[in-house]
């Protein structure tokens, strides 16, 4: 009887630790950055009241614009050339948010999110108009 109870407790502890580790790992935002900070991966969302899903994109800084490459079906809207308008002041100290505007259609605005400690932050700050 005691061995069955011990097995049950150890199984429950194993699953509790596994779930806690998954929640802890998902708090970190994965990002790739080149050494000079001009190529990186980031997350974007359309600057609408309806948009809630962050999409993974690849970004290349070329002269004074961002060239966004899609990384999935949901990121087709973000393909193309964008200009960095400004960065937003948020309470999130771990991430930096930039408002970007499409070069072709100035009505298209989106929010670009990168980790605050990333090498690309200096390159993005240099592009802020």
C-alpha atoms as a PDB file:
ATOM      1  CA  UNK A   1       0.000   0.000   0.000  1.00  0.00           C
ATOM      2  CA  UNK A   2       2.761   2.446   0.912  1.00  0.00           C
ATOM      3  CA  UNK A   3       4.663   1.725  -2.324  1.00  0.00           C
ATOM      4  CA  UNK A   4       1.529   2.524  -4.386  1.00  0.00           C
ATOM      5  CA  UNK A   5       1.086   5.779  -2.511  1.00  0.00           C
ATOM      6  CA  UNK A   6       4.762   6.629  -2.986  1.00  0.00           C
ATOM      7  CA  UNK A   7       4.487   5.899  -6.728  1.00  0.00           C
ATOM      8  CA  UNK A   8       1.412   8.137  -6.986  1.00  0.00           C
ATOM      9  CA  UNK A   9       3.121  10.992  -5.145  1.00  0.00           C
ATOM     10  CA  UNK A  10       6.294  10.722  -7.226  1.00  0.00           C
ATOM     11  CA  UNK A  11       4.270  10.654 -10.472  1.00  0.00           C
ATOM     12  CA  UNK A  12       2.309  13.746  -9.444  1.00  0.00           C
ATOM     13  CA  UNK A  13       5.526  15.518  -8.429  1.00  0.00           C
ATOM     14  CA  UNK A  14       7.107  14.608 -11.789  1.00  0.00           C
ATOM     15  CA  UNK A  15       4.207  16.127 -13.736  1.00  0.00           C
ATOM     16  CA  UNK A  16       4.065  19.211 -11.496  1.00  0.00           C
ATOM     17  CA  UNK A  17       7.773  19.885 -12.041  1.00  0.00           C
ATOM     18  CA  UNK A  18       7.379  19.310 -15.797  1.00  0.00           C
ATOM     19  CA  UNK A  19       4.486  21.767 -16.076  1.00  0.00           C
ATOM     20  CA  UNK A  20       6.351  24.337 -13.977  1.00  0.00           C
ATOM     21  CA  UNK A  21       9.415  24.023 -16.240  1.00  0.00           C
ATOM     22  CA  UNK A  22       7.290  24.456 -19.376  1.00  0.00           C
ATOM     23  CA  UNK A  23       5.721  27.621 -17.974  1.00  0.00           C
ATOM     24  CA  UNK A  24       9.149  28.959 -17.004  1.00  0.00           C
ATOM     25  CA  UNK A  25      10.652  28.213 -20.443  1.00  0.00           C
ATOM     26  CA  UNK A  26       7.753  29.871 -22.291  1.00  0.00           C
ATOM     27  CA  UNK A  27       8.454  33.161 -20.496  1.00  0.00           C
ATOM     28  CA  UNK A  28      11.633  33.606 -22.550  1.00  0.00           C
ATOM     29  CA  UNK A  29      11.332  34.980 -26.047  1.00  0.00           C
ATOM     30  CA  UNK A  30      13.646  33.244 -28.513  1.00  0.00           C
ATOM     31  CA  UNK A  31      15.593  35.555 -30.769  1.00  0.00           C
ATOM     32  CA  UNK A  32      18.450  35.300 -33.212  1.00  0.00           C
ATOM     33  CA  UNK A  33      20.665  38.347 -33.833  1.00  0.00           C
ATOM     34  CA  UNK A  34      23.648  38.803 -36.125  1.00  0.00           C
ATOM     35  CA  UNK A  35      26.868  40.114 -34.608  1.00  0.00           C
ATOM     36  CA  UNK A  36      26.352  43.644 -35.904  1.00  0.00           C
ATOM     37  CA  UNK A  37      22.651  43.717 -34.963  1.00  0.00           C
ATOM     38  CA  UNK A  38      21.356  44.455 -38.469  1.00  0.00           C
ATOM     39  CA  UNK A  39      19.708  41.059 -39.027  1.00  0.00           C
ATOM     40  CA  UNK A  40      17.487  39.498 -36.407  1.00  0.00           C
ATOM     41  CA  UNK A  41      14.290  37.643 -35.691  1.00  0.00           C
ATOM     42  CA  UNK A  42      11.450  39.409 -33.933  1.00  0.00           C
ATOM     43  CA  UNK A  43       7.725  39.312 -33.352  1.00  0.00           C
ATOM     44  CA  UNK A  44       5.170  41.608 -34.981  1.00  0.00           C
ATOM     45  CA  UNK A  45       1.493  42.357 -34.611  1.00  0.00           C
ATOM     46  CA  UNK A  46      -0.741  44.692 -36.610  1.00  0.00           C
ATOM     47  CA  UNK A  47      -1.459  47.953 -34.801  1.00  0.00           C
ATOM     48  CA  UNK A  48      -5.225  47.357 -34.640  1.00  0.00           C
ATOM     49  CA  UNK A  49      -7.624  46.902 -31.775  1.00  0.00           C
ATOM     50  CA  UNK A  50      -8.533  43.451 -33.141  1.00  0.00           C
ATOM     51  CA  UNK A  51      -4.981  42.082 -33.474  1.00  0.00           C
ATOM     52  CA  UNK A  52      -3.769  39.947 -30.627  1.00  0.00           C
ATOM     53  CA  UNK A  53      -1.542  37.289 -32.195  1.00  0.00           C
ATOM     54  CA  UNK A  54       2.190  37.957 -32.372  1.00  0.00           C
ATOM     55  CA  UNK A  55       3.837  36.570 -35.518  1.00  0.00           C
ATOM     56  CA  UNK A  56       7.495  35.564 -35.970  1.00  0.00           C
ATOM     57  CA  UNK A  57       9.334  37.535 -38.667  1.00  0.00           C
ATOM     58  CA  UNK A  58      12.902  37.961 -39.887  1.00  0.00           C
ATOM     59  CA  UNK A  59      14.178  41.504 -40.144  1.00  0.00           C
ATOM     60  CA  UNK A  60      17.081  43.010 -42.078  1.00  0.00           C
ATOM     61  CA  UNK A  61      18.078  46.624 -41.537  1.00  0.00           C
ATOM     62  CA  UNK A  62      18.994  48.176 -44.879  1.00  0.00           C
ATOM     63  CA  UNK A  63      19.959  51.864 -44.899  1.00  0.00           C
ATOM     64  CA  UNK A  64      17.041  53.622 -43.166  1.00  0.00           C
ATOM     65  CA  UNK A  65      14.400  50.906 -43.483  1.00  0.00           C
ATOM     66  CA  UNK A  66      13.495  47.460 -42.265  1.00  0.00           C
ATOM     67  CA  UNK A  67      13.068  44.629 -44.744  1.00  0.00           C
ATOM     68  CA  UNK A  68      10.662  42.113 -43.250  1.00  0.00           C
ATOM     69  CA  UNK A  69      10.717  38.494 -44.396  1.00  0.00           C
ATOM     70  CA  UNK A  70       7.806  36.224 -43.545  1.00  0.00           C
ATOM     71  CA  UNK A  71       8.267  33.160 -41.379  1.00  0.00           C
ATOM     72  CA  UNK A  72       4.801  31.642 -41.687  1.00  0.00           C
ATOM     73  CA  UNK A  73       1.306  31.948 -43.078  1.00  0.00           C
ATOM     74  CA  UNK A  74       0.229  34.603 -40.608  1.00  0.00           C
ATOM     75  CA  UNK A  75       3.098  36.917 -41.465  1.00  0.00           C
ATOM     76  CA  UNK A  76       2.249  37.559 -45.133  1.00  0.00           C
ATOM     77  CA  UNK A  77       0.806  40.936 -44.172  1.00  0.00           C
ATOM     78  CA  UNK A  78       4.176  42.034 -42.810  1.00  0.00           C
ATOM     79  CA  UNK A  79       6.321  41.240 -45.868  1.00  0.00           C
ATOM     80  CA  UNK A  80       8.023  44.229 -47.435  1.00  0.00           C
ATOM     81  CA  UNK A  81       9.768  47.431 -46.455  1.00  0.00           C
ATOM     82  CA  UNK A  82       8.911  49.276 -43.261  1.00  0.00           C
ATOM     83  CA  UNK A  83      10.171  52.415 -41.540  1.00  0.00           C
ATOM     84  CA  UNK A  84      10.616  52.701 -37.792  1.00  0.00           C
ATOM     85  CA  UNK A  85       8.399  55.495 -36.524  1.00  0.00           C
ATOM     86  CA  UNK A  86       9.025  55.493 -32.766  1.00  0.00           C
ATOM     87  CA  UNK A  87       9.439  53.189 -29.792  1.00  0.00           C
ATOM     88  CA  UNK A  88       6.730  52.882 -27.192  1.00  0.00           C
ATOM     89  CA  UNK A  89       7.104  53.257 -23.462  1.00  0.00           C
ATOM     90  CA  UNK A  90       5.660  50.150 -21.860  1.00  0.00           C
ATOM     91  CA  UNK A  91       5.765  48.662 -18.408  1.00  0.00           C
ATOM     92  CA  UNK A  92       7.409  45.544 -19.839  1.00  0.00           C
ATOM     93  CA  UNK A  93      11.095  45.959 -18.972  1.00  0.00           C
ATOM     94  CA  UNK A  94      12.170  42.754 -20.737  1.00  0.00           C
ATOM     95  CA  UNK A  95      10.905  43.726 -24.212  1.00  0.00           C
ATOM     96  CA  UNK A  96      11.188  46.785 -26.428  1.00  0.00           C
ATOM     97  CA  UNK A  97       8.277  47.747 -28.715  1.00  0.00           C
ATOM     98  CA  UNK A  98       8.684  49.791 -31.906  1.00  0.00           C
ATOM     99  CA  UNK A  99       5.880  51.176 -34.058  1.00  0.00           C
ATOM    100  CA  UNK A 100       6.687  50.637 -37.733  1.00  0.00           C
ATOM    101  CA  UNK A 101       4.946  52.049 -40.815  1.00  0.00           C
ATOM    102  CA  UNK A 102       4.746  50.386 -44.225  1.00  0.00           C
ATOM    103  CA  UNK A 103       6.653  52.323 -46.915  1.00  0.00           C
ATOM    104  CA  UNK A 104       4.065  51.692 -49.621  1.00  0.00           C
ATOM    105  CA  UNK A 105       0.915  52.308 -47.585  1.00  0.00           C
ATOM    106  CA  UNK A 106       1.325  54.691 -44.650  1.00  0.00           C
ATOM    107  CA  UNK A 107      -1.992  53.465 -43.236  1.00  0.00           C
ATOM    108  CA  UNK A 108      -0.434  50.074 -42.444  1.00  0.00           C
ATOM    109  CA  UNK A 109       1.114  50.229 -38.996  1.00  0.00           C
ATOM    110  CA  UNK A 110       2.481  47.423 -36.878  1.00  0.00           C
ATOM    111  CA  UNK A 111       4.326  46.874 -33.626  1.00  0.00           C
ATOM    112  CA  UNK A 112       7.736  45.185 -33.668  1.00  0.00           C
ATOM    113  CA  UNK A 113       8.805  43.479 -30.419  1.00  0.00           C
ATOM    114  CA  UNK A 114      12.386  42.557 -29.505  1.00  0.00           C
ATOM    115  CA  UNK A 115      14.090  41.694 -26.204  1.00  0.00           C
ATOM    116  CA  UNK A 116      15.353  44.826 -24.439  1.00  0.00           C
ATOM    117  CA  UNK A 117      18.872  43.414 -24.041  1.00  0.00           C
ATOM    118  CA  UNK A 118      19.278  42.495 -27.718  1.00  0.00           C
ATOM    119  CA  UNK A 119      22.102  43.822 -29.914  1.00  0.00           C
ATOM    120  CA  UNK A 120      19.537  45.043 -32.450  1.00  0.00           C
ATOM    121  CA  UNK A 121      18.098  47.643 -30.061  1.00  0.00           C
ATOM    122  CA  UNK A 122      20.946  50.068 -30.787  1.00  0.00           C
ATOM    123  CA  UNK A 123      20.435  49.683 -34.545  1.00  0.00           C
ATOM    124  CA  UNK A 124      16.668  50.181 -34.199  1.00  0.00           C
ATOM    125  CA  UNK A 125      17.129  53.225 -31.964  1.00  0.00           C
ATOM    126  CA  UNK A 126      19.328  54.765 -34.655  1.00  0.00           C
ATOM    127  CA  UNK A 127      16.436  54.434 -37.146  1.00  0.00           C
ATOM    128  CA  UNK A 128      13.824  56.152 -34.986  1.00  0.00           C
ATOM    129  CA  UNK A 129      12.637  59.251 -36.845  1.00  0.00           C
END
